[in-house]
Protein backbone atom coordinates (compact mmCIF):
# COMPACT_ATOMS: atom_id res chain seq x y z
CA MET A 1 0.00 0.00 0.00
CA SER A 2 3.04 2.28 -0.05
CA VAL A 3 2.22 3.23 -3.66
CA PHE A 4 -0.68 5.39 -2.48
CA PRO A 5 0.01 8.12 0.11
CA ASP A 6 -3.56 8.01 1.40
CA ALA A 7 -6.98 6.49 0.74
CA LYS A 8 -8.08 9.43 -1.42
CA HIS A 9 -5.35 8.66 -3.94
CA LEU A 10 -6.43 5.00 -4.07
CA CYS A 11 -10.07 5.97 -4.63
CA SER A 12 -9.02 8.38 -7.34
CA TRP A 13 -6.93 5.67 -9.00
CA ALA A 14 -9.92 3.31 -8.90
CA GLY A 15 -12.15 5.94 -10.52
CA LEU A 16 -14.56 6.35 -7.62
CA THR A 17 -14.04 10.09 -7.11
CA PRO A 18 -16.20 12.76 -8.74
CA THR A 19 -14.94 14.86 -11.61
CA VAL A 20 -14.41 18.50 -10.70
CA ARG A 21 -15.00 21.45 -13.02
CA CYS A 22 -13.91 24.82 -11.67
CA SER A 23 -14.23 28.33 -12.96
CA ASP A 24 -13.26 31.18 -10.67
CA LYS A 25 -15.35 30.67 -7.51
CA THR A 26 -17.80 28.16 -8.97
CA THR A 27 -17.08 24.46 -8.48
CA ARG A 28 -19.22 21.69 -9.97
CA LEU A 29 -18.83 18.09 -8.93
CA GLY A 30 -19.86 15.67 -11.66
CA HIS A 31 -20.11 11.92 -12.15
CA ILE A 32 -17.34 9.57 -11.06
CA SER A 33 -14.24 9.79 -13.21
CA ARG A 34 -14.14 6.07 -14.19
CA GLN A 35 -10.39 6.24 -14.57
CA GLY A 36 -8.63 3.08 -13.48
CA SER A 37 -9.62 -0.54 -13.22
CA PRO A 38 -13.19 -1.31 -14.35
CA ALA A 39 -13.01 -4.75 -12.72
CA LEU A 40 -12.12 -3.28 -9.31
CA ARG A 41 -14.85 -0.66 -9.58
CA ALA A 42 -17.42 -3.29 -10.59
CA ALA A 43 -16.42 -5.57 -7.72
CA LEU A 44 -16.71 -2.74 -5.20
CA VAL A 45 -20.14 -1.67 -6.46
CA GLU A 46 -21.25 -5.32 -6.40
CA ALA A 47 -20.12 -5.57 -2.77
CA ALA A 48 -21.91 -2.31 -1.97
CA GLN A 49 -25.17 -3.76 -3.34
CA MET A 50 -25.16 -6.29 -0.50
CA ILE A 51 -24.82 -3.66 2.25
CA PRO A 52 -28.60 -2.94 2.59
CA THR A 53 -29.26 -6.58 3.46
CA GLY A 54 -26.67 -6.57 6.28
CA GLY A 55 -26.23 -4.36 9.28
CA GLY A 56 -23.75 -2.01 10.82
CA PRO A 57 -22.54 1.50 10.15
CA LEU A 58 -22.22 1.01 6.40
CA ARG A 59 -25.91 0.13 6.15
CA ALA A 60 -26.88 3.18 8.15
CA THR A 61 -24.75 5.36 5.88
CA PHE A 62 -26.26 3.71 2.80
CA GLU A 63 -29.81 4.36 4.00
CA ARG A 64 -29.03 7.98 4.88
CA ILE A 65 -27.47 8.70 1.46
CA ALA A 66 -30.13 6.72 -0.44
CA LYS A 67 -32.92 8.70 1.18
CA ARG A 68 -31.28 11.99 0.26
CA ARG A 69 -29.57 11.28 -3.10
CA GLY A 70 -30.92 7.94 -4.42
CA ARG A 71 -29.87 4.30 -4.28
CA LYS A 72 -27.46 4.37 -7.23
CA ILE A 73 -25.41 7.24 -5.83
CA ALA A 74 -25.48 5.59 -2.41
CA LYS A 75 -24.05 2.37 -3.89
CA VAL A 76 -21.10 4.23 -5.38
CA ALA A 77 -20.54 6.15 -2.12
CA ILE A 78 -20.50 2.91 -0.14
CA ALA A 79 -18.16 1.33 -2.71
CA ARG A 80 -15.74 4.18 -2.06
CA GLN A 81 -16.06 3.68 1.69
CA ILE A 82 -15.37 -0.04 1.30
CA LEU A 83 -12.21 0.74 -0.69
CA THR A 84 -11.15 3.26 1.95
CA LEU A 85 -11.67 0.69 4.72
CA CYS A 86 -9.68 -1.87 2.73
CA TYR A 87 -6.84 0.62 2.32
CA TYR A 88 -6.60 1.27 6.05
CA GLY A 89 -7.05 -2.42 6.83
CA LEU A 90 -4.14 -3.39 4.58
CA ARG A 91 -1.96 -0.48 5.69
CA ASP A 92 -2.51 -0.71 9.46
CA GLY A 93 -3.67 -4.28 9.88
CA GLU A 94 -6.95 -3.17 11.51
CA ILE A 95 -10.05 -1.22 10.53
CA ARG A 96 -10.59 1.44 13.18
CA CYS A 97 -13.38 3.20 11.27
CA LEU A 98 -15.91 0.51 12.18
CA ALA A 99 -15.44 1.07 15.93
CA THR A 100 -18.18 3.72 16.26
CA ASP A 101 -21.63 4.13 14.84
CA ARG A 102 -21.69 7.75 13.65
CA VAL A 103 -25.44 7.81 13.05
CA ARG A 104 -26.43 7.24 16.67
CA GLY A 105 -23.12 8.19 18.28
CA GLU A 106 -22.86 5.04 20.39
CA GLU A 107 -20.07 2.49 20.58
CA LEU A 108 -20.39 -0.81 18.72
CA GLU A 109 -18.97 -4.12 19.82
CA PRO A 110 -15.58 -4.77 18.16
CA ALA A 111 -15.72 -7.35 15.38
CA ALA A 112 -14.05 -10.64 16.22
């Protein structure tokens, strides 16, 4: 994982970050860039499709985004979060981001 300085660079490499168009003070975020590996992106979106059937903080995030922006955008957002969690899991050997439930603000039991 030393190739990527942080998770944002990995997500950008995978094509899961939005395109940005800027002019003076106006910034417009567009669709995902789709640069990088189509197979990785497809696998992550496929994994994100299973999140609503499970539980945990990723499901709560999915439901919150889906209610506000739609299910398709929520799937891509969760795919990016999965890739970010994988980055930190491979880099540090543990996934600390799943330790708290940000929706309710209460501690979750650590995964075994």
